[in-house]
Amino acid sequence: CQALGQMRYIAVAAPHFMERHLPQGLN
C-alpha cells in the first residue's frame, strides 16, 4: 500500500439556484 495524496471536496451550486433557493446562504 502506498499513499497517493488527498482529494479536496468543495460544495457548489449554480448562481440562479442560489439566488432562488439560498438568498441568505446555506445555513
PDB file of all heavy atoms in Angstrom:
ATOM      1  N   CYS A   1       0.848  -1.186   0.000  1.00  0.00           N
ATOM      2  CA  CYS A   1       0.000   0.000   0.000  1.00  0.00           C
ATOM      3  C   CYS A   1       0.887   1.241   0.000  1.00  0.00           C
ATOM      4  O   CYS A   1       1.865   1.300   0.753  1.00  0.00           O
ATOM      5  CB  CYS A   1      -0.913  -0.024   1.236  1.00  0.00           C
ATOM      6  SG  CYS A   1      -1.843   1.493   1.523  1.00  0.00           S
ATOM      7  N   GLN A   2       0.542   2.212  -0.850  1.00  0.00           N
ATOM      8  CA  GLN A   2       1.297   3.467  -0.884  1.00  0.00           C
ATOM      9  C   GLN A   2       0.330   4.643  -0.893  1.00  0.00           C
ATOM     10  O   GLN A   2      -0.706   4.601  -1.572  1.00  0.00           O
ATOM     11  CB  GLN A   2       2.190   3.527  -2.131  1.00  0.00           C
ATOM     12  CG  GLN A   2       3.299   2.483  -2.128  1.00  0.00           C
ATOM     13  CD  GLN A   2       4.349   2.762  -3.188  1.00  0.00           C
ATOM     14  OE1 GLN A   2       4.842   3.879  -3.302  1.00  0.00           O
ATOM     15  NE2 GLN A   2       4.692   1.748  -3.947  1.00  0.00           N
ATOM     16  N   ALA A   3       0.661   5.681  -0.149  1.00  0.00           N
ATOM     17  CA  ALA A   3      -0.170   6.880  -0.100  1.00  0.00           C
ATOM     18  C   ALA A   3      -0.096   7.614  -1.434  1.00  0.00           C
ATOM     19  O   ALA A   3       0.976   7.740  -2.032  1.00  0.00           O
ATOM     20  CB  ALA A   3       0.305   7.795   1.022  1.00  0.00           C
ATOM     21  N   LEU A   4      -1.247   8.092  -1.906  1.00  0.00           N
ATOM     22  CA  LEU A   4      -1.318   8.826  -3.166  1.00  0.00           C
ATOM     23  C   LEU A   4      -1.411  10.326  -2.958  1.00  0.00           C
ATOM     24  O   LEU A   4      -0.817  11.106  -3.696  1.00  0.00           O
ATOM     25  CB  LEU A   4      -2.549   8.356  -3.965  1.00  0.00           C
ATOM     26  CG  LEU A   4      -2.545   6.904  -4.428  1.00  0.00           C
ATOM     27  CD1 LEU A   4      -3.858   6.578  -5.129  1.00  0.00           C
ATOM     28  CD2 LEU A   4      -1.363   6.628  -5.346  1.00  0.00           C
ATOM     29  N   GLY A   5      -2.196  10.748  -1.989  1.00  0.00           N
ATOM     30  CA  GLY A   5      -2.431  12.163  -1.760  1.00  0.00           C
ATOM     31  C   GLY A   5      -3.859  12.387  -1.303  1.00  0.00           C
ATOM     32  O   GLY A   5      -4.611  11.429  -1.075  1.00  0.00           O
ATOM     33  N   GLN A   6      -4.245  13.620  -1.176  1.00  0.00           N
ATOM     34  CA  GLN A   6      -5.581  13.965  -0.707  1.00  0.00           C
ATOM     35  C   GLN A   6      -6.388  14.634  -1.821  1.00  0.00           C
ATOM     36  O   GLN A   6      -5.890  15.515  -2.514  1.00  0.00           O
ATOM     37  CB  GLN A   6      -5.506  14.922   0.480  1.00  0.00           C
ATOM     38  CG  GLN A   6      -4.894  14.298   1.726  1.00  0.00           C
ATOM     39  CD  GLN A   6      -5.019  15.207   2.917  1.00  0.00           C
ATOM     40  OE1 GLN A   6      -5.744  14.929   3.863  1.00  0.00           O
ATOM     41  NE2 GLN A   6      -4.304  16.319   2.890  1.00  0.00           N
ATOM     42  N   MET A   7      -7.631  14.197  -1.961  1.00  0.00           N
ATOM     43  CA  MET A   7      -8.558  14.832  -2.891  1.00  0.00           C
ATOM     44  C   MET A   7      -9.448  15.779  -2.095  1.00  0.00           C
ATOM     45  O   MET A   7     -10.124  15.356  -1.158  1.00  0.00           O
ATOM     46  CB  MET A   7      -9.394  13.789  -3.633  1.00  0.00           C
ATOM     47  CG  MET A   7     -10.390  14.399  -4.609  1.00  0.00           C
ATOM     48  SD  MET A   7     -11.163  13.162  -5.689  1.00  0.00           S
ATOM     49  CE  MET A   7      -9.864  12.958  -6.909  1.00  0.00           C
ATOM     50  N   ARG A   8      -9.418  17.051  -2.465  1.00  0.00           N
ATOM     51  CA  ARG A   8     -10.212  18.059  -1.751  1.00  0.00           C
ATOM     52  C   ARG A   8     -11.592  18.188  -2.381  1.00  0.00           C
ATOM     53  O   ARG A   8     -11.731  18.226  -3.605  1.00  0.00           O
ATOM     54  CB  ARG A   8      -9.505  19.403  -1.749  1.00  0.00           C
ATOM     55  CG  ARG A   8     -10.345  20.552  -1.195  1.00  0.00           C
ATOM     56  CD  ARG A   8      -9.494  21.697  -0.710  1.00  0.00           C
ATOM     57  NE  ARG A   8      -8.737  21.315   0.496  1.00  0.00           N
ATOM     58  CZ  ARG A   8      -7.936  22.144   1.165  1.00  0.00           C
ATOM     59  NH1 ARG A   8      -7.782  23.402   0.741  1.00  0.00           N
ATOM     60  NH2 ARG A   8      -7.291  21.736   2.233  1.00  0.00           N
ATOM     61  N   TYR A   9     -12.622  18.290  -1.533  1.00  0.00           N
ATOM     62  CA  TYR A   9     -14.008  18.448  -1.972  1.00  0.00           C
ATOM     63  C   TYR A   9     -14.550  19.788  -1.494  1.00  0.00           C
ATOM     64  O   TYR A   9     -14.280  20.224  -0.369  1.00  0.00           O
ATOM     65  CB  TYR A   9     -14.873  17.323  -1.407  1.00  0.00           C
ATOM     66  CG  TYR A   9     -14.653  15.992  -2.091  1.00  0.00           C
ATOM     67  CD1 TYR A   9     -13.567  15.187  -1.740  1.00  0.00           C
ATOM     68  CD2 TYR A   9     -15.513  15.537  -3.083  1.00  0.00           C
ATOM     69  CE1 TYR A   9     -13.351  13.963  -2.373  1.00  0.00           C
ATOM     70  CE2 TYR A   9     -15.309  14.322  -3.717  1.00  0.00           C
ATOM     71  CZ  TYR A   9     -14.225  13.546  -3.358  1.00  0.00           C
ATOM     72  OH  TYR A   9     -14.009  12.340  -3.989  1.00  0.00           O
ATOM     73  N   ILE A  10     -15.321  20.422  -2.372  1.00  0.00           N
ATOM     74  CA  ILE A  10     -15.980  21.680  -2.032  1.00  0.00           C
ATOM     75  C   ILE A  10     -17.438  21.605  -2.469  1.00  0.00           C
ATOM     76  O   ILE A  10     -17.790  20.836  -3.361  1.00  0.00           O
ATOM     77  CB  ILE A  10     -15.283  22.886  -2.711  1.00  0.00           C
ATOM     78  CG1 ILE A  10     -15.309  22.734  -4.235  1.00  0.00           C
ATOM     79  CG2 ILE A  10     -13.859  23.042  -2.206  1.00  0.00           C
ATOM     80  CD1 ILE A  10     -14.759  23.931  -4.987  1.00  0.00           C
ATOM     81  N   ALA A  11     -18.289  22.392  -1.824  1.00  0.00           N
ATOM     82  CA  ALA A  11     -19.712  22.440  -2.180  1.00  0.00           C
ATOM     83  C   ALA A  11     -19.942  23.577  -3.172  1.00  0.00           C
ATOM     84  O   ALA A  11     -19.433  24.689  -2.983  1.00  0.00           O
ATOM     85  CB  ALA A  11     -20.574  22.640  -0.943  1.00  0.00           C
ATOM     86  N   VAL A  12     -20.725  23.284  -4.225  1.00  0.00           N
ATOM     87  CA  VAL A  12     -21.006  24.298  -5.243  1.00  0.00           C
ATOM     88  C   VAL A  12     -22.479  24.221  -5.630  1.00  0.00           C
ATOM     89  O   VAL A  12     -23.154  23.213  -5.421  1.00  0.00           O
ATOM     90  CB  VAL A  12     -20.130  24.103  -6.502  1.00  0.00           C
ATOM     91  CG1 VAL A  12     -18.657  24.231  -6.168  1.00  0.00           C
ATOM     92  CG2 VAL A  12     -20.417  22.753  -7.166  1.00  0.00           C
ATOM     93  N   ALA A  13     -22.962  25.283  -6.244  1.00  0.00           N
ATOM     94  CA  ALA A  13     -24.321  25.315  -6.795  1.00  0.00           C
ATOM     95  C   ALA A  13     -24.355  26.379  -7.883  1.00  0.00           C
ATOM     96  O   ALA A  13     -23.505  27.281  -7.932  1.00  0.00           O
ATOM     97  CB  ALA A  13     -25.348  25.628  -5.708  1.00  0.00           C
ATOM     98  N   ALA A  14     -25.338  26.260  -8.755  1.00  0.00           N
ATOM     99  CA  ALA A  14     -25.495  27.238  -9.837  1.00  0.00           C
ATOM    100  C   ALA A  14     -25.906  28.590  -9.257  1.00  0.00           C
ATOM    101  O   ALA A  14     -26.670  28.654  -8.284  1.00  0.00           O
ATOM    102  CB  ALA A  14     -26.542  26.746 -10.828  1.00  0.00           C
ATOM    103  N   PRO A  15     -25.441  29.705  -9.840  1.00  0.00           N
ATOM    104  CA  PRO A  15     -25.819  31.027  -9.333  1.00  0.00           C
ATOM    105  C   PRO A  15     -27.331  31.234  -9.282  1.00  0.00           C
ATOM    106  O   PRO A  15     -27.853  31.765  -8.286  1.00  0.00           O
ATOM    107  CB  PRO A  15     -25.151  31.984 -10.326  1.00  0.00           C
ATOM    108  CG  PRO A  15     -23.977  31.228 -10.850  1.00  0.00           C
ATOM    109  CD  PRO A  15     -24.432  29.808 -10.919  1.00  0.00           C
ATOM    110  N   HIS A  16     -28.052  30.808 -10.320  1.00  0.00           N
ATOM    111  CA  HIS A  16     -29.509  31.017 -10.312  1.00  0.00           C
ATOM    112  C   HIS A  16     -30.189  30.151  -9.262  1.00  0.00           C
ATOM    113  O   HIS A  16     -31.209  30.542  -8.692  1.00  0.00           O
ATOM    114  CB  HIS A  16     -30.109  30.755 -11.699  1.00  0.00           C
ATOM    115  CG  HIS A  16     -29.950  29.352 -12.199  1.00  0.00           C
ATOM    116  ND1 HIS A  16     -28.820  28.925 -12.877  1.00  0.00           N
ATOM    117  CD2 HIS A  16     -30.774  28.277 -12.130  1.00  0.00           C
ATOM    118  CE1 HIS A  16     -28.966  27.654 -13.221  1.00  0.00           C
ATOM    119  NE2 HIS A  16     -30.131  27.229 -12.767  1.00  0.00           N
ATOM    120  N   PHE A  17     -29.614  28.979  -8.963  1.00  0.00           N
ATOM    121  CA  PHE A  17     -30.158  28.140  -7.894  1.00  0.00           C
ATOM    122  C   PHE A  17     -29.970  28.817  -6.545  1.00  0.00           C
ATOM    123  O   PHE A  17     -30.891  28.850  -5.707  1.00  0.00           O
ATOM    124  CB  PHE A  17     -29.479  26.777  -7.905  1.00  0.00           C
ATOM    125  CG  PHE A  17     -29.909  25.867  -6.781  1.00  0.00           C
ATOM    126  CD1 PHE A  17     -31.002  25.030  -6.918  1.00  0.00           C
ATOM    127  CD2 PHE A  17     -29.220  25.858  -5.560  1.00  0.00           C
ATOM    128  CE1 PHE A  17     -31.399  24.187  -5.883  1.00  0.00           C
ATOM    129  CE2 PHE A  17     -29.610  25.041  -4.527  1.00  0.00           C
ATOM    130  CZ  PHE A  17     -30.711  24.204  -4.692  1.00  0.00           C
ATOM    131  N   MET A  18     -28.790  29.377  -6.324  1.00  0.00           N
ATOM    132  CA  MET A  18     -28.508  30.032  -5.049  1.00  0.00           C
ATOM    133  C   MET A  18     -29.373  31.276  -4.864  1.00  0.00           C
ATOM    134  O   MET A  18     -29.872  31.543  -3.768  1.00  0.00           O
ATOM    135  CB  MET A  18     -27.021  30.377  -4.958  1.00  0.00           C
ATOM    136  CG  MET A  18     -26.114  29.156  -4.933  1.00  0.00           C
ATOM    137  SD  MET A  18     -24.346  29.540  -4.871  1.00  0.00           S
ATOM    138  CE  MET A  18     -24.203  30.234  -3.241  1.00  0.00           C
ATOM    139  N   GLU A  19     -29.585  32.032  -5.942  1.00  0.00           N
ATOM    140  CA  GLU A  19     -30.423  33.230  -5.829  1.00  0.00           C
ATOM    141  C   GLU A  19     -31.869  32.883  -5.490  1.00  0.00           C
ATOM    142  O   GLU A  19     -32.532  33.599  -4.723  1.00  0.00           O
ATOM    143  CB  GLU A  19     -30.354  34.010  -7.146  1.00  0.00           C
ATOM    144  CG  GLU A  19     -29.002  34.655  -7.391  1.00  0.00           C
ATOM    145  CD  GLU A  19     -28.842  35.133  -8.824  1.00  0.00           C
ATOM    146  OE1 GLU A  19     -29.848  35.049  -9.585  1.00  0.00           O
ATOM    147  OE2 GLU A  19     -27.729  35.569  -9.185  1.00  0.00           O
ATOM    148  N   ARG A  20     -32.338  31.758  -6.042  1.00  0.00           N
ATOM    149  CA  ARG A  20     -33.732  31.380  -5.819  1.00  0.00           C
ATOM    150  C   ARG A  20     -33.937  30.651  -4.501  1.00  0.00           C
ATOM    151  O   ARG A  20     -34.895  30.933  -3.775  1.00  0.00           O
ATOM    152  CB  ARG A  20     -34.220  30.509  -6.976  1.00  0.00           C
ATOM    153  CG  ARG A  20     -35.677  30.058  -6.835  1.00  0.00           C
ATOM    154  CD  ARG A  20     -36.122  29.264  -8.033  1.00  0.00           C
ATOM    155  NE  ARG A  20     -37.496  28.810  -7.882  1.00  0.00           N
ATOM    156  CZ  ARG A  20     -38.147  28.069  -8.771  1.00  0.00           C
ATOM    157  NH1 ARG A  20     -37.533  27.715  -9.898  1.00  0.00           N
ATOM    158  NH2 ARG A  20     -39.391  27.685  -8.547  1.00  0.00           N
ATOM    159  N   HIS A  21     -33.056  29.702  -4.205  1.00  0.00           N
ATOM    160  CA  HIS A  21     -33.271  28.825  -3.053  1.00  0.00           C
ATOM    161  C   HIS A  21     -32.438  29.206  -1.829  1.00  0.00           C
ATOM    162  O   HIS A  21     -32.785  28.807  -0.707  1.00  0.00           O
ATOM    163  CB  HIS A  21     -32.960  27.373  -3.433  1.00  0.00           C
ATOM    164  CG  HIS A  21     -33.851  26.820  -4.500  1.00  0.00           C
ATOM    165  ND1 HIS A  21     -35.125  26.374  -4.248  1.00  0.00           N
ATOM    166  CD2 HIS A  21     -33.648  26.668  -5.834  1.00  0.00           C
ATOM    167  CE1 HIS A  21     -35.672  25.945  -5.375  1.00  0.00           C
ATOM    168  NE2 HIS A  21     -34.804  26.121  -6.351  1.00  0.00           N
ATOM    169  N   LEU A  22     -31.355  29.931  -2.034  1.00  0.00           N
ATOM    170  CA  LEU A  22     -30.454  30.239  -0.920  1.00  0.00           C
ATOM    171  C   LEU A  22     -30.110  31.726  -0.888  1.00  0.00           C
ATOM    172  O   LEU A  22     -28.927  32.109  -0.872  1.00  0.00           O
ATOM    173  CB  LEU A  22     -29.166  29.410  -1.030  1.00  0.00           C
ATOM    174  CG  LEU A  22     -29.324  27.891  -1.043  1.00  0.00           C
ATOM    175  CD1 LEU A  22     -28.001  27.222  -1.379  1.00  0.00           C
ATOM    176  CD2 LEU A  22     -29.848  27.399   0.293  1.00  0.00           C
ATOM    177  N   PRO A  23     -31.117  32.595  -0.872  1.00  0.00           N
ATOM    178  CA  PRO A  23     -30.807  34.035  -0.865  1.00  0.00           C
ATOM    179  C   PRO A  23     -30.027  34.460   0.376  1.00  0.00           C
ATOM    180  O   PRO A  23     -29.273  35.438   0.335  1.00  0.00           O
ATOM    181  CB  PRO A  23     -32.186  34.687  -0.919  1.00  0.00           C
ATOM    182  CG  PRO A  23     -33.128  33.651  -0.398  1.00  0.00           C
ATOM    183  CD  PRO A  23     -32.556  32.339  -0.843  1.00  0.00           C
ATOM    184  N   GLN A  24     -30.226  33.740   1.488  1.00  0.00           N
ATOM    185  CA  GLN A  24     -29.486  34.035   2.723  1.00  0.00           C
ATOM    186  C   GLN A  24     -28.316  33.072   2.927  1.00  0.00           C
ATOM    187  O   GLN A  24     -27.715  33.039   3.998  1.00  0.00           O
ATOM    188  CB  GLN A  24     -30.438  33.948   3.934  1.00  0.00           C
ATOM    189  CG  GLN A  24     -31.675  34.818   3.822  1.00  0.00           C
ATOM    190  CD  GLN A  24     -31.325  36.278   3.651  1.00  0.00           C
ATOM    191  OE1 GLN A  24     -30.402  36.784   4.302  1.00  0.00           O
ATOM    192  NE2 GLN A  24     -32.043  36.969   2.773  1.00  0.00           N
ATOM    193  N   GLY A  25     -28.015  32.257   1.901  1.00  0.00           N
ATOM    194  CA  GLY A  25     -26.952  31.274   2.029  1.00  0.00           C
ATOM    195  C   GLY A  25     -27.448  29.984   2.647  1.00  0.00           C
ATOM    196  O   GLY A  25     -28.565  29.898   3.180  1.00  0.00           O
ATOM    197  N   LEU A  26     -26.629  28.960   2.566  1.00  0.00           N
ATOM    198  CA  LEU A  26     -26.962  27.678   3.183  1.00  0.00           C
ATOM    199  C   LEU A  26     -26.641  27.761   4.671  1.00  0.00           C
ATOM    200  O   LEU A  26     -25.545  28.168   5.058  1.00  0.00           O
ATOM    201  CB  LEU A  26     -26.142  26.555   2.525  1.00  0.00           C
ATOM    202  CG  LEU A  26     -26.537  25.120   2.860  1.00  0.00           C
ATOM    203  CD1 LEU A  26     -27.927  24.795   2.304  1.00  0.00           C
ATOM    204  CD2 LEU A  26     -25.508  24.141   2.275  1.00  0.00           C
ATOM    205  N   ASN A  27     -27.596  27.355   5.512  1.00  0.00           N
ATOM    206  CA  ASN A  27     -27.399  27.500   6.952  1.00  0.00           C
ATOM    207  C   ASN A  27     -28.089  26.355   7.687  1.00  0.00           C
ATOM    208  O   ASN A  27     -28.802  25.545   7.073  1.00  0.00           O
ATOM    209  CB  ASN A  27     -27.934  28.859   7.420  1.00  0.00           C
ATOM    210  CG  ASN A  27     -29.390  29.068   7.032  1.00  0.00           C
ATOM    211  OD1 ASN A  27     -30.259  28.311   7.468  1.00  0.00           O
ATOM    212  ND2 ASN A  27     -29.666  30.096   6.219  1.00  0.00           N
TER     213      ASN A  27
END
